[in-house]
Amino acid sequence: MSIPTVELSNSELTRFNELMGETYKKVYNMAYRLSNSRADAEDLTQEAYYRAYRSFRDYEGDKPFENWIFRIVTRLFLDLLRSRRRRVQAVSYDAAIGGGAGDDAIYFDKADDRPNPEQRLLENTFSEDLERVMNSLTAEQRMLIQLADVEGMPYKEIADILGKPVGTIRSRLHRTHKLIRSRLEGLRPSTAARLGAPLMAI
């Protein structure tokens, strides 16, 4: 992975590389679950570490780096959603899809596409029905489930990331949990009753 030149001391650079090595897989997995796309997950992960590197001196070392980088990824994902919403009506369906790299583009080694142990565990744990229901949720609903139920992030942190009141986050999660249950029961009544995953807890 190549990193842009930034004025960090040797000790800061060493620490950043250590933290990146410790969190890279988790950040990529989170980006993949949010975007449901390997290409987007790679882009989000790369951009998140690029931004983290550039602002590493703003990182408060007494707080978990994982939470800090998760917030960066989540905000990047929200930016991606907003950008695509703005473009969706302006781009022709038969327009060529392409993207040029800007002057400040950063290039990273491609992530390994093979499922890692965590992904295999998730694939084996989540039933086919649950996977279908999760894929039917909106991007925002998947994001809430990812942050609250998979990553175990406190509501206050989610509220800070999304710029919403804690009560709004709690209410939306409650509605999303009910929606998941309802759709599971519609697919197979016994599935929701058997499910013991954390995301079913209200």
C-alpha atoms as a PDB file:
ATOM      1  CA  MET A   1       0.000   0.000   0.000  1.00  0.00           C
ATOM      2  CA  SER A   2       1.521   3.337  -0.992  1.00  0.00           C
ATOM      3  CA  ILE A   3       0.919   6.350   1.242  1.00  0.00           C
ATOM      4  CA  PRO A   4       1.142  10.015   0.212  1.00  0.00           C
ATOM      5  CA  THR A   5       4.023  12.016   1.581  1.00  0.00           C
ATOM      6  CA  VAL A   6       2.908  13.912   4.688  1.00  0.00           C
ATOM      7  CA  GLU A   7       5.038  15.614   7.310  1.00  0.00           C
ATOM      8  CA  LEU A   8       4.812  13.035  10.093  1.00  0.00           C
ATOM      9  CA  SER A   9       7.658  12.139  12.374  1.00  0.00           C
ATOM     10  CA  ASN A  10       9.144   8.654  12.248  1.00  0.00           C
ATOM     11  CA  SER A  11       7.383   7.711  15.458  1.00  0.00           C
ATOM     12  CA  GLU A  12       4.038   9.024  14.145  1.00  0.00           C
ATOM     13  CA  LEU A  13       4.490   7.141  10.888  1.00  0.00           C
ATOM     14  CA  THR A  14       5.353   3.950  12.743  1.00  0.00           C
ATOM     15  CA  ARG A  15       2.311   4.315  14.974  1.00  0.00           C
ATOM     16  CA  PHE A  16       0.000   5.005  12.031  1.00  0.00           C
ATOM     17  CA  ASN A  17       1.245   1.929  10.184  1.00  0.00           C
ATOM     18  CA  GLU A  18       0.722  -0.180  13.296  1.00  0.00           C
ATOM     19  CA  LEU A  19      -2.839   1.066  13.730  1.00  0.00           C
ATOM     20  CA  MET A  20      -3.605   0.594  10.043  1.00  0.00           C
ATOM     21  CA  GLY A  21      -2.321  -2.982  10.172  1.00  0.00           C
ATOM     22  CA  GLU A  22      -4.459  -3.719  13.213  1.00  0.00           C
ATOM     23  CA  THR A  23      -7.675  -2.304  11.746  1.00  0.00           C
ATOM     24  CA  TYR A  24      -7.467  -2.679   7.960  1.00  0.00           C
ATOM     25  CA  LYS A  25      -9.494  -5.892   7.657  1.00  0.00           C
ATOM     26  CA  LYS A  26     -12.220  -4.641   9.992  1.00  0.00           C
ATOM     27  CA  VAL A  27     -12.479  -1.357   8.131  1.00  0.00           C
ATOM     28  CA  TYR A  28     -12.668  -3.094   4.755  1.00  0.00           C
ATOM     29  CA  ASN A  29     -15.303  -5.528   6.049  1.00  0.00           C
ATOM     30  CA  MET A  30     -17.347  -2.662   7.429  1.00  0.00           C
ATOM     31  CA  ALA A  31     -17.094  -0.741   4.148  1.00  0.00           C
ATOM     32  CA  TYR A  32     -18.167  -3.875   2.274  1.00  0.00           C
ATOM     33  CA  ARG A  33     -21.206  -4.433   4.490  1.00  0.00           C
ATOM     34  CA  LEU A  34     -22.226  -0.800   4.148  1.00  0.00           C
ATOM     35  CA  SER A  35     -21.832  -0.589   0.384  1.00  0.00           C
ATOM     36  CA  ASN A  36     -22.549  -4.220  -0.547  1.00  0.00           C
ATOM     37  CA  SER A  37     -19.885  -3.800  -3.244  1.00  0.00           C
ATOM     38  CA  ARG A  38     -16.258  -4.921  -3.262  1.00  0.00           C
ATOM     39  CA  ALA A  39     -15.231  -2.081  -5.558  1.00  0.00           C
ATOM     40  CA  ASP A  40     -16.883   0.537  -3.354  1.00  0.00           C
ATOM     41  CA  ALA A  41     -15.474  -1.108  -0.238  1.00  0.00           C
ATOM     42  CA  GLU A  42     -11.954  -0.895  -1.634  1.00  0.00           C
ATOM     43  CA  ASP A  43     -12.433   2.765  -2.581  1.00  0.00           C
ATOM     44  CA  LEU A  44     -13.949   3.664   0.777  1.00  0.00           C
ATOM     45  CA  THR A  45     -11.203   1.877   2.707  1.00  0.00           C
ATOM     46  CA  GLN A  46      -8.411   3.480   0.705  1.00  0.00           C
ATOM     47  CA  GLU A  47      -9.892   6.949   1.003  1.00  0.00           C
ATOM     48  CA  ALA A  48     -10.518   6.480   4.732  1.00  0.00           C
ATOM     49  CA  TYR A  49      -6.880   5.654   5.435  1.00  0.00           C
ATOM     50  CA  TYR A  50      -5.700   8.432   3.153  1.00  0.00           C
ATOM     51  CA  ARG A  51      -7.769  10.934   5.135  1.00  0.00           C
ATOM     52  CA  ALA A  52      -6.751   9.392   8.440  1.00  0.00           C
ATOM     53  CA  TYR A  53      -3.107   9.718   7.445  1.00  0.00           C
ATOM     54  CA  ARG A  54      -3.478  13.354   6.428  1.00  0.00           C
ATOM     55  CA  SER A  55      -5.196  14.260   9.706  1.00  0.00           C
ATOM     56  CA  PHE A  56      -3.391  11.793  11.971  1.00  0.00           C
ATOM     57  CA  ARG A  57      -2.207  14.558  14.262  1.00  0.00           C
ATOM     58  CA  ASP A  58      -5.848  15.387  15.016  1.00  0.00           C
ATOM     59  CA  TYR A  59      -6.408  11.860  16.297  1.00  0.00           C
ATOM     60  CA  GLU A  60      -6.747  11.762  20.067  1.00  0.00           C
ATOM     61  CA  GLY A  61      -4.481   8.885  21.022  1.00  0.00           C
ATOM     62  CA  ASP A  62      -6.326   8.076  24.242  1.00  0.00           C
ATOM     63  CA  LYS A  63      -9.427   7.104  22.249  1.00  0.00           C
ATOM     64  CA  PRO A  64      -9.827   3.929  20.148  1.00  0.00           C
ATOM     65  CA  PHE A  65      -8.379   4.390  16.669  1.00  0.00           C
ATOM     66  CA  GLU A  66     -10.906   1.847  15.404  1.00  0.00           C
ATOM     67  CA  ASN A  67     -13.821   4.108  16.318  1.00  0.00           C
ATOM     68  CA  TRP A  68     -12.126   7.091  14.705  1.00  0.00           C
ATOM     69  CA  ILE A  69     -11.494   5.300  11.398  1.00  0.00           C
ATOM     70  CA  PHE A  70     -15.024   3.807  11.483  1.00  0.00           C
ATOM     71  CA  ARG A  71     -16.427   7.331  11.707  1.00  0.00           C
ATOM     72  CA  ILE A  72     -14.357   8.358   8.684  1.00  0.00           C
ATOM     73  CA  VAL A  73     -15.589   5.372   6.660  1.00  0.00           C
ATOM     74  CA  THR A  74     -19.197   6.018   7.623  1.00  0.00           C
ATOM     75  CA  ARG A  75     -19.014   9.682   6.627  1.00  0.00           C
ATOM     76  CA  LEU A  76     -17.387   8.749   3.328  1.00  0.00           C
ATOM     77  CA  PHE A  77     -20.196   6.263   2.697  1.00  0.00           C
ATOM     78  CA  LEU A  78     -22.807   8.939   3.412  1.00  0.00           C
ATOM     79  CA  ASP A  79     -21.010  11.271   1.010  1.00  0.00           C
ATOM     80  CA  LEU A  80     -21.049   8.508  -1.603  1.00  0.00           C
ATOM     81  CA  LEU A  81     -24.794   8.027  -1.177  1.00  0.00           C
ATOM     82  CA  ARG A  82     -25.479  11.749  -1.481  1.00  0.00           C
ATOM     83  CA  SER A  83     -23.268  12.019  -4.537  1.00  0.00           C
ATOM     84  CA  ARG A  84     -25.059   9.156  -6.287  1.00  0.00           C
ATOM     85  CA  ARG A  85     -28.457  10.575  -5.479  1.00  0.00           C
ATOM     86  CA  ARG A  86     -27.487  13.873  -7.063  1.00  0.00           C
ATOM     87  CA  ARG A  87     -26.195  12.138 -10.181  1.00  0.00           C
ATOM     88  CA  VAL A  88     -28.882   9.527 -10.627  1.00  0.00           C
ATOM     89  CA  GLN A  89     -31.282  11.716 -12.655  1.00  0.00           C
ATOM     90  CA  ALA A  90     -28.579  13.528 -14.566  1.00  0.00           C
ATOM     91  CA  VAL A  91     -26.795  10.469 -15.971  1.00  0.00           C
ATOM     92  CA  SER A  92     -28.193   8.577 -18.940  1.00  0.00           C
ATOM     93  CA  TYR A  93     -28.685   4.855 -18.503  1.00  0.00           C
ATOM     94  CA  ASP A  94     -26.566   4.177 -21.582  1.00  0.00           C
ATOM     95  CA  ALA A  95     -23.826   6.648 -20.634  1.00  0.00           C
ATOM     96  CA  ALA A  96     -20.362   5.211 -20.367  1.00  0.00           C
ATOM     97  CA  ILE A  97     -19.286   4.598 -16.815  1.00  0.00           C
ATOM     98  CA  GLY A  98     -15.839   5.871 -16.085  1.00  0.00           C
ATOM     99  CA  GLY A  99     -13.797   7.863 -13.694  1.00  0.00           C
ATOM    100  CA  GLY A 100     -10.570   9.721 -14.072  1.00  0.00           C
ATOM    101  CA  ALA A 101      -8.110  10.037 -11.254  1.00  0.00           C
ATOM    102  CA  GLY A 102      -7.570  13.526  -9.938  1.00  0.00           C
ATOM    103  CA  ASP A 103      -4.179  15.105  -9.431  1.00  0.00           C
ATOM    104  CA  ASP A 104      -4.165  14.071  -5.796  1.00  0.00           C
ATOM    105  CA  ALA A 105      -5.282  10.486  -6.442  1.00  0.00           C
ATOM    106  CA  ILE A 106      -3.725   7.829  -4.227  1.00  0.00           C
ATOM    107  CA  TYR A 107      -3.164   4.282  -5.385  1.00  0.00           C
ATOM    108  CA  PHE A 108      -3.221   1.287  -3.092  1.00  0.00           C
ATOM    109  CA  ASP A 109      -2.625  -2.396  -3.590  1.00  0.00           C
ATOM    110  CA  LYS A 110      -5.856  -4.217  -4.361  1.00  0.00           C
ATOM    111  CA  ALA A 111      -7.484  -5.940  -1.414  1.00  0.00           C
ATOM    112  CA  ASP A 112      -7.719  -9.714  -1.334  1.00  0.00           C
ATOM    113  CA  ASP A 113     -11.170 -10.627  -2.692  1.00  0.00           C
ATOM    114  CA  ARG A 114     -11.216 -14.048  -1.078  1.00  0.00           C
ATOM    115  CA  PRO A 115     -13.563 -14.318   1.911  1.00  0.00           C
ATOM    116  CA  ASN A 116     -11.702 -13.990   5.184  1.00  0.00           C
ATOM    117  CA  PRO A 117     -12.624 -16.058   8.281  1.00  0.00           C
ATOM    118  CA  GLU A 118     -14.972 -13.347   9.565  1.00  0.00           C
ATOM    119  CA  GLN A 119     -16.838 -13.183   6.254  1.00  0.00           C
ATOM    120  CA  ARG A 120     -17.117 -16.984   6.111  1.00  0.00           C
ATOM    121  CA  LEU A 121     -18.469 -17.008   9.662  1.00  0.00           C
ATOM    122  CA  LEU A 122     -21.039 -14.362   8.774  1.00  0.00           C
ATOM    123  CA  GLU A 123     -22.051 -16.244   5.640  1.00  0.00           C
ATOM    124  CA  ASN A 124     -22.513 -19.427   7.672  1.00  0.00           C
ATOM    125  CA  THR A 125     -24.284 -17.673  10.547  1.00  0.00           C
ATOM    126  CA  PHE A 126     -26.748 -15.547   8.628  1.00  0.00           C
ATOM    127  CA  SER A 127     -29.460 -17.614   7.043  1.00  0.00           C
ATOM    128  CA  GLU A 128     -30.247 -17.223   3.379  1.00  0.00           C
ATOM    129  CA  ASP A 129     -33.523 -15.571   4.357  1.00  0.00           C
ATOM    130  CA  LEU A 130     -31.833 -13.070   6.638  1.00  0.00           C
ATOM    131  CA  GLU A 131     -29.294 -12.238   3.956  1.00  0.00           C
ATOM    132  CA  ARG A 132     -32.129 -11.564   1.503  1.00  0.00           C
ATOM    133  CA  VAL A 133     -33.875  -9.317   4.009  1.00  0.00           C
ATOM    134  CA  MET A 134     -30.687  -7.409   4.828  1.00  0.00           C
ATOM    135  CA  ASN A 135     -30.086  -6.819   1.116  1.00  0.00           C
ATOM    136  CA  SER A 136     -33.632  -5.480   0.792  1.00  0.00           C
ATOM    137  CA  LEU A 137     -32.995  -2.713   3.320  1.00  0.00           C
ATOM    138  CA  THR A 138     -32.055   0.785   2.296  1.00  0.00           C
ATOM    139  CA  ALA A 139     -28.404   1.779   2.530  1.00  0.00           C
ATOM    140  CA  GLU A 140     -29.182   3.930   5.576  1.00  0.00           C
ATOM    141  CA  GLN A 141     -30.946   1.049   7.344  1.00  0.00           C
ATOM    142  CA  ARG A 142     -28.041  -1.314   6.631  1.00  0.00           C
ATOM    143  CA  MET A 143     -25.668   1.307   7.972  1.00  0.00           C
ATOM    144  CA  LEU A 144     -27.575   1.598  11.254  1.00  0.00           C
ATOM    145  CA  ILE A 145     -27.608  -2.178  11.671  1.00  0.00           C
ATOM    146  CA  GLN A 146     -23.895  -2.345  10.872  1.00  0.00           C
ATOM    147  CA  LEU A 147     -22.914   0.362  13.328  1.00  0.00           C
ATOM    148  CA  ALA A 148     -25.223  -0.572  16.197  1.00  0.00           C
ATOM    149  CA  ASP A 149     -25.602  -4.342  15.966  1.00  0.00           C
ATOM    150  CA  VAL A 150     -22.482  -5.577  14.204  1.00  0.00           C
ATOM    151  CA  GLU A 151     -19.881  -3.080  15.430  1.00  0.00           C
ATOM    152  CA  GLY A 152     -21.629  -2.499  18.761  1.00  0.00           C
ATOM    153  CA  MET A 153     -21.218   1.265  18.521  1.00  0.00           C
ATOM    154  CA  PRO A 154     -23.096   3.255  21.214  1.00  0.00           C
ATOM    155  CA  TYR A 155     -26.110   5.234  20.047  1.00  0.00           C
ATOM    156  CA  LYS A 156     -24.396   8.483  21.070  1.00  0.00           C
ATOM    157  CA  GLU A 157     -21.485   7.822  18.700  1.00  0.00           C
ATOM    158  CA  ILE A 158     -23.840   6.885  15.865  1.00  0.00           C
ATOM    159  CA  ALA A 159     -25.815  10.055  16.503  1.00  0.00           C
ATOM    160  CA  ASP A 160     -22.609  12.110  16.362  1.00  0.00           C
ATOM    161  CA  ILE A 161     -21.564  10.489  13.078  1.00  0.00           C
ATOM    162  CA  LEU A 162     -24.944  11.003  11.423  1.00  0.00           C
ATOM    163  CA  GLY A 163     -25.664  14.384  12.967  1.00  0.00           C
ATOM    164  CA  LYS A 164     -28.974  13.180  14.419  1.00  0.00           C
ATOM    165  CA  PRO A 165     -30.402  13.151  17.963  1.00  0.00           C
ATOM    166  CA  VAL A 166     -29.890   9.944  19.940  1.00  0.00           C
ATOM    167  CA  GLY A 167     -33.669   9.499  20.125  1.00  0.00           C
ATOM    168  CA  THR A 168     -33.883   9.549  16.334  1.00  0.00           C
ATOM    169  CA  ILE A 169     -31.226   6.849  16.043  1.00  0.00           C
ATOM    170  CA  ARG A 170     -32.967   4.694  18.648  1.00  0.00           C
ATOM    171  CA  SER A 171     -36.341   5.137  16.912  1.00  0.00           C
ATOM    172  CA  ARG A 172     -34.981   4.315  13.453  1.00  0.00           C
ATOM    173  CA  LEU A 173     -33.196   1.231  14.735  1.00  0.00           C
ATOM    174  CA  HIS A 174     -36.361   0.081  16.463  1.00  0.00           C
ATOM    175  CA  ARG A 175     -38.339   0.461  13.219  1.00  0.00           C
ATOM    176  CA  THR A 176     -35.600  -1.294  11.236  1.00  0.00           C
ATOM    177  CA  HIS A 177     -35.552  -4.232  13.683  1.00  0.00           C
ATOM    178  CA  LYS A 178     -39.335  -4.538  13.356  1.00  0.00           C
ATOM    179  CA  LEU A 179     -39.071  -4.387   9.572  1.00  0.00           C
ATOM    180  CA  ILE A 180     -36.460  -7.147   9.551  1.00  0.00           C
ATOM    181  CA  ARG A 181     -38.646  -9.345  11.751  1.00  0.00           C
ATOM    182  CA  SER A 182     -41.693  -8.697   9.597  1.00  0.00           C
ATOM    183  CA  ARG A 183     -39.900  -9.523   6.362  1.00  0.00           C
ATOM    184  CA  LEU A 184     -38.341 -12.643   7.856  1.00  0.00           C
ATOM    185  CA  GLU A 185     -41.724 -13.846   9.031  1.00  0.00           C
ATOM    186  CA  GLY A 186     -43.114 -13.171   5.563  1.00  0.00           C
ATOM    187  CA  LEU A 187     -40.444 -15.387   4.024  1.00  0.00           C
ATOM    188  CA  ARG A 188     -40.572 -18.144   6.586  1.00  0.00           C
ATOM    189  CA  PRO A 189     -42.507 -17.769   9.847  1.00  0.00           C
ATOM    190  CA  SER A 190     -40.136 -19.976  11.838  1.00  0.00           C
ATOM    191  CA  THR A 191     -36.999 -18.077  10.836  1.00  0.00           C
ATOM    192  CA  ALA A 192     -37.577 -14.987  12.954  1.00  0.00           C
ATOM    193  CA  ALA A 193     -38.572 -17.103  15.955  1.00  0.00           C
ATOM    194  CA  ARG A 194     -35.339 -19.136  15.742  1.00  0.00           C
ATOM    195  CA  LEU A 195     -33.078 -16.165  15.157  1.00  0.00           C
ATOM    196  CA  GLY A 196     -30.965 -15.178  18.147  1.00  0.00           C
ATOM    197  CA  ALA A 197     -28.676 -12.636  16.449  1.00  0.00           C
ATOM    198  CA  PRO A 198     -27.947  -9.343  18.290  1.00  0.00           C
ATOM    199  CA  LEU A 199     -29.618  -7.304  15.560  1.00  0.00           C
ATOM    200  CA  MET A 200     -32.965  -8.736  16.598  1.00  0.00           C
ATOM    201  CA  ALA A 201     -32.685  -7.249  20.070  1.00  0.00           C
ATOM    202  CA  ILE A 202     -34.743  -4.122  20.580  1.00  0.00           C
END
